[in-house]
Amino acid sequence: MSTPDTTSSDDPARSRLIGQSRDGAGQEAPQWVVLPDAVPDHPLLDGRPEIGRGESSIVLDAGDGKRVFKVVSSPADYFYLAADDRPTGIHFPRLYANHGVIGKASNGYSFRLLEIERLLPVAGEAEVLGRRLAAAYWAGCEKWANLGVNRGRLALYHIAQEPPPDLPASLVAALAALSDFIEGYPVQPDILNPHNLMMRADGTLVFSDPVFLP
């Protein structure tokens, strides 16, 4: 997991489609916003190597190759990963333990420590599916641009109702579950950022970090 930890943009138009990052002479490289805070003091985190950092979270290696410790400061991340009514299933991250509040972040929110499954950057078929979803979501955001910040909600809803062809049934169900979850919380979706979709070692696409606070 050598790439930056999952992040979320506050504007879908600023996120880059999976597989479409810029490089080369004369082109601007992606600039990811990352949380500036130090790793909070906690016995479970002592001596753990940091392996990823996002806009509102820090990820540390749990040491077994299967789990990570994720320190989250955004309520959106906490709702999505640990709420009792969070979406669950094969396309959502598995939560092993919720260790509660462990400090306060510079953004004013509490740091919470979660123990979740370790995921990998998308590749192969998972990357293909991710690109198709991101393209459909982007098209929806453009179609409903007049709705402002709520365009992402409507775009996701319509993808769930009329998904791109040949998507696995499990992924269509996951999109519907994600849409339902977002309707119940003060969060917005973002499946454009390439770090918001990841996969398991078996190639299963996972919505690792698809929500943010507007």
Protein backbone atom coordinates (compact mmCIF):
# COMPACT_ATOMS: atom_id res chain seq x y z
CA MET A 1 0.00 0.00 0.00
CA SER A 2 2.60 2.48 -1.10
CA THR A 3 0.22 5.00 -2.65
CA PRO A 4 -1.25 7.87 -0.59
CA ASP A 5 -4.09 6.87 1.68
CA THR A 6 -7.61 7.33 0.40
CA THR A 7 -8.62 10.95 0.03
CA SER A 8 -11.69 12.94 -0.96
CA SER A 9 -12.04 16.11 -2.93
CA ASP A 10 -14.64 18.71 -1.95
CA ASP A 11 -15.42 19.23 -5.65
CA PRO A 12 -15.88 16.32 -8.08
CA ALA A 13 -14.64 18.55 -10.91
CA ARG A 14 -11.24 18.74 -9.18
CA SER A 15 -10.82 14.97 -8.88
CA ARG A 16 -9.04 13.02 -11.61
CA LEU A 17 -10.51 9.93 -13.24
CA ILE A 18 -8.83 6.63 -12.43
CA GLY A 19 -6.04 5.97 -14.90
CA GLN A 20 -6.01 9.56 -16.17
CA SER A 21 -3.35 11.15 -13.98
CA ARG A 22 -1.11 13.62 -15.77
CA ASP A 23 2.61 13.21 -16.23
CA GLY A 24 5.32 14.26 -18.66
CA ALA A 25 7.03 17.51 -19.56
CA GLY A 26 5.00 20.66 -19.24
CA GLN A 27 2.11 18.97 -17.41
CA GLU A 28 1.16 19.45 -13.81
CA ALA A 29 1.47 16.41 -11.53
CA PRO A 30 -1.41 15.68 -9.12
CA GLN A 31 -1.10 17.49 -5.80
CA TRP A 32 -2.79 15.50 -3.03
CA VAL A 33 -3.85 17.36 0.09
CA VAL A 34 -2.73 15.44 3.18
CA LEU A 35 -3.39 15.77 6.89
CA PRO A 36 -0.44 17.63 8.50
CA ASP A 37 -0.88 16.22 12.03
CA ALA A 38 1.53 13.88 13.74
CA VAL A 39 0.38 10.35 14.55
CA PRO A 40 -1.49 10.53 17.87
CA ASP A 41 0.03 8.84 20.91
CA HIS A 42 -1.63 5.48 21.54
CA PRO A 43 -0.30 2.10 22.70
CA LEU A 44 -1.65 0.33 19.61
CA LEU A 45 0.23 2.74 17.35
CA ASP A 46 3.60 2.81 19.10
CA GLY A 47 6.32 1.74 16.69
CA ARG A 48 3.90 1.17 13.82
CA PRO A 49 5.17 2.37 10.43
CA GLU A 50 3.01 4.89 8.63
CA ILE A 51 2.07 3.56 5.19
CA GLY A 52 -0.44 6.13 3.95
CA ARG A 53 -1.86 9.55 4.64
CA GLY A 54 -4.93 11.26 3.26
CA GLU A 55 -6.78 14.52 3.53
CA SER A 56 -8.23 13.58 6.90
CA SER A 57 -6.66 10.24 7.87
CA ILE A 58 -3.44 8.40 8.63
CA VAL A 59 -2.87 4.70 7.96
CA LEU A 60 -0.37 2.55 9.86
CA ASP A 61 0.72 -1.02 9.28
CA ALA A 62 -0.77 -3.52 11.73
CA GLY A 63 2.06 -5.95 11.02
CA ASP A 64 0.15 -8.99 9.79
CA GLY A 65 -0.36 -8.06 6.13
CA LYS A 66 -4.13 -8.29 6.56
CA ARG A 67 -5.09 -5.28 8.66
CA VAL A 68 -4.21 -1.61 9.08
CA PHE A 69 -4.81 0.94 11.80
CA LYS A 70 -6.62 3.92 10.34
CA VAL A 71 -6.70 7.17 12.30
CA VAL A 72 -9.61 9.24 10.99
CA SER A 73 -10.48 12.84 11.75
CA SER A 74 -13.40 13.40 9.38
CA PRO A 75 -16.86 12.48 10.67
CA ALA A 76 -17.64 11.36 7.11
CA ASP A 77 -14.92 8.69 7.27
CA TYR A 78 -16.06 7.58 10.70
CA PHE A 79 -19.73 7.33 9.67
CA TYR A 80 -18.82 5.35 6.56
CA LEU A 81 -16.41 2.95 8.24
CA ALA A 82 -17.94 2.45 11.69
CA ALA A 83 -21.61 3.51 11.92
CA ASP A 84 -24.01 0.72 12.87
CA ASP A 85 -25.99 1.35 9.69
CA ARG A 86 -22.98 1.70 7.39
CA PRO A 87 -23.15 -0.17 4.07
CA THR A 88 -21.63 -3.65 4.27
CA GLY A 89 -20.86 -6.41 1.81
CA ILE A 90 -18.05 -7.50 -0.45
CA HIS A 91 -17.54 -4.04 -1.98
CA PHE A 92 -17.15 -2.22 1.35
CA PRO A 93 -14.21 -2.17 3.80
CA ARG A 94 -14.28 -4.68 6.65
CA LEU A 95 -14.08 -3.20 10.13
CA TYR A 96 -12.30 -5.38 12.69
CA ALA A 97 -12.31 -3.04 15.69
CA ASN A 98 -13.34 0.47 16.70
CA HIS A 99 -10.91 1.75 19.33
CA GLY A 100 -12.71 5.06 19.84
CA VAL A 101 -11.45 8.62 20.33
CA ILE A 102 -7.67 8.93 20.76
CA GLY A 103 -7.10 12.67 20.44
CA LYS A 104 -8.02 15.82 18.57
CA ALA A 105 -6.94 16.81 15.06
CA SER A 106 -5.86 20.25 13.89
CA ASN A 107 -9.07 20.46 11.83
CA GLY A 108 -11.06 20.55 15.07
CA TYR A 109 -12.53 17.05 14.87
CA SER A 110 -11.70 14.10 17.12
CA PHE A 111 -9.15 11.53 16.06
CA ARG A 112 -10.70 8.05 16.09
CA LEU A 113 -8.80 4.81 15.71
CA LEU A 114 -10.21 2.06 13.52
CA GLU A 115 -8.79 -1.35 12.70
CA ILE A 116 -9.77 -2.28 9.14
CA GLU A 117 -8.75 -4.63 6.38
CA ARG A 118 -5.73 -3.79 4.27
CA LEU A 119 -6.55 -2.92 0.68
CA LEU A 120 -4.50 -2.52 -2.49
CA PRO A 121 -4.47 0.02 -5.33
CA VAL A 122 -6.82 -1.00 -8.14
CA ALA A 123 -5.38 -3.02 -11.02
CA GLY A 124 -6.64 -5.36 -13.72
CA GLU A 125 -10.40 -5.91 -13.87
CA ALA A 126 -10.98 -3.84 -10.71
CA GLU A 127 -9.31 -0.87 -12.38
CA VAL A 128 -11.46 -1.34 -15.49
CA LEU A 129 -14.62 -1.35 -13.35
CA GLY A 130 -13.37 1.67 -11.44
CA ARG A 131 -12.81 3.61 -14.65
CA ARG A 132 -16.29 2.78 -15.88
CA LEU A 133 -17.88 3.87 -12.62
CA ALA A 134 -15.83 7.06 -12.49
CA ALA A 135 -16.77 7.93 -16.07
CA ALA A 136 -20.48 7.31 -15.42
CA TYR A 137 -20.32 9.35 -12.20
CA TRP A 138 -18.54 12.22 -13.95
CA ALA A 139 -21.14 12.24 -16.73
CA GLY A 140 -23.87 12.41 -14.09
CA CYS A 141 -22.13 15.26 -12.26
CA GLU A 142 -21.97 17.22 -15.51
CA LYS A 143 -25.61 16.47 -16.31
CA TRP A 144 -26.79 17.67 -12.90
CA ALA A 145 -24.25 20.50 -12.51
CA ASN A 146 -27.03 23.04 -11.88
CA LEU A 147 -27.71 21.34 -8.53
CA GLY A 148 -24.36 22.46 -7.14
CA VAL A 149 -22.98 20.33 -4.31
CA ASN A 150 -25.92 17.91 -4.57
CA ARG A 151 -25.05 16.90 -8.13
CA GLY A 152 -22.94 14.04 -6.81
CA ARG A 153 -25.83 12.57 -4.83
CA LEU A 154 -28.11 12.60 -7.85
CA ALA A 155 -25.39 11.24 -10.14
CA LEU A 156 -24.79 8.30 -7.79
CA TYR A 157 -28.52 7.62 -7.42
CA HIS A 158 -29.00 7.43 -11.19
CA ILE A 159 -25.98 5.16 -11.63
CA ALA A 160 -27.52 2.79 -9.07
CA GLN A 161 -30.88 2.90 -10.84
CA GLU A 162 -29.50 2.68 -14.38
CA PRO A 163 -25.99 1.22 -14.07
CA PRO A 164 -23.52 0.96 -16.93
CA PRO A 165 -23.93 -2.33 -18.82
CA ASP A 166 -22.25 -5.52 -17.66
CA LEU A 167 -21.55 -4.38 -14.10
CA PRO A 168 -21.63 -7.31 -11.65
CA ALA A 169 -24.91 -7.57 -9.77
CA SER A 170 -23.03 -7.30 -6.46
CA LEU A 171 -21.54 -3.98 -7.52
CA VAL A 172 -24.91 -2.59 -8.62
CA ALA A 173 -26.33 -3.56 -5.21
CA ALA A 174 -23.35 -1.87 -3.53
CA LEU A 175 -23.97 1.35 -5.46
CA ALA A 176 -27.58 1.33 -4.30
CA ALA A 177 -26.49 0.72 -0.69
CA LEU A 178 -23.97 3.55 -0.90
CA SER A 179 -26.61 5.88 -2.33
CA ASP A 180 -29.03 4.98 0.48
CA PHE A 181 -26.32 5.53 3.11
CA ILE A 182 -25.45 8.97 1.75
CA GLU A 183 -29.09 10.02 1.87
CA GLY A 184 -29.10 9.37 5.63
CA TYR A 185 -25.94 11.31 6.54
CA PRO A 186 -24.60 14.85 5.97
CA VAL A 187 -22.02 13.61 3.47
CA GLN A 188 -21.48 13.73 -0.28
CA PRO A 189 -20.12 11.02 -2.60
CA ASP A 190 -16.85 11.09 -4.55
CA ILE A 191 -15.85 8.10 -6.66
CA LEU A 192 -13.69 10.10 -9.07
CA ASN A 193 -10.55 10.37 -6.97
CA PRO A 194 -8.36 7.35 -7.83
CA HIS A 195 -7.59 6.71 -4.15
CA ASN A 196 -11.28 6.37 -3.23
CA LEU A 197 -11.58 2.99 -4.95
CA MET A 198 -9.26 0.14 -4.00
CA MET A 199 -9.32 -3.66 -4.17
CA ARG A 200 -8.66 -6.82 -2.22
CA ALA A 201 -5.92 -9.26 -3.14
CA ASP A 202 -8.53 -11.37 -4.95
CA GLY A 203 -9.36 -8.44 -7.26
CA THR A 204 -12.66 -7.41 -5.64
CA LEU A 205 -13.32 -3.69 -6.11
CA VAL A 206 -13.90 -1.90 -2.80
CA PHE A 207 -15.32 1.57 -2.12
CA SER A 208 -12.53 2.47 0.27
CA ASP A 209 -13.25 6.15 0.88
CA PRO A 210 -16.17 7.36 -1.27
CA VAL A 211 -17.66 10.07 0.99
CA PHE A 212 -16.66 13.50 2.29
CA LEU A 213 -18.08 16.40 4.26
CA PRO A 214 -19.31 19.20 1.94
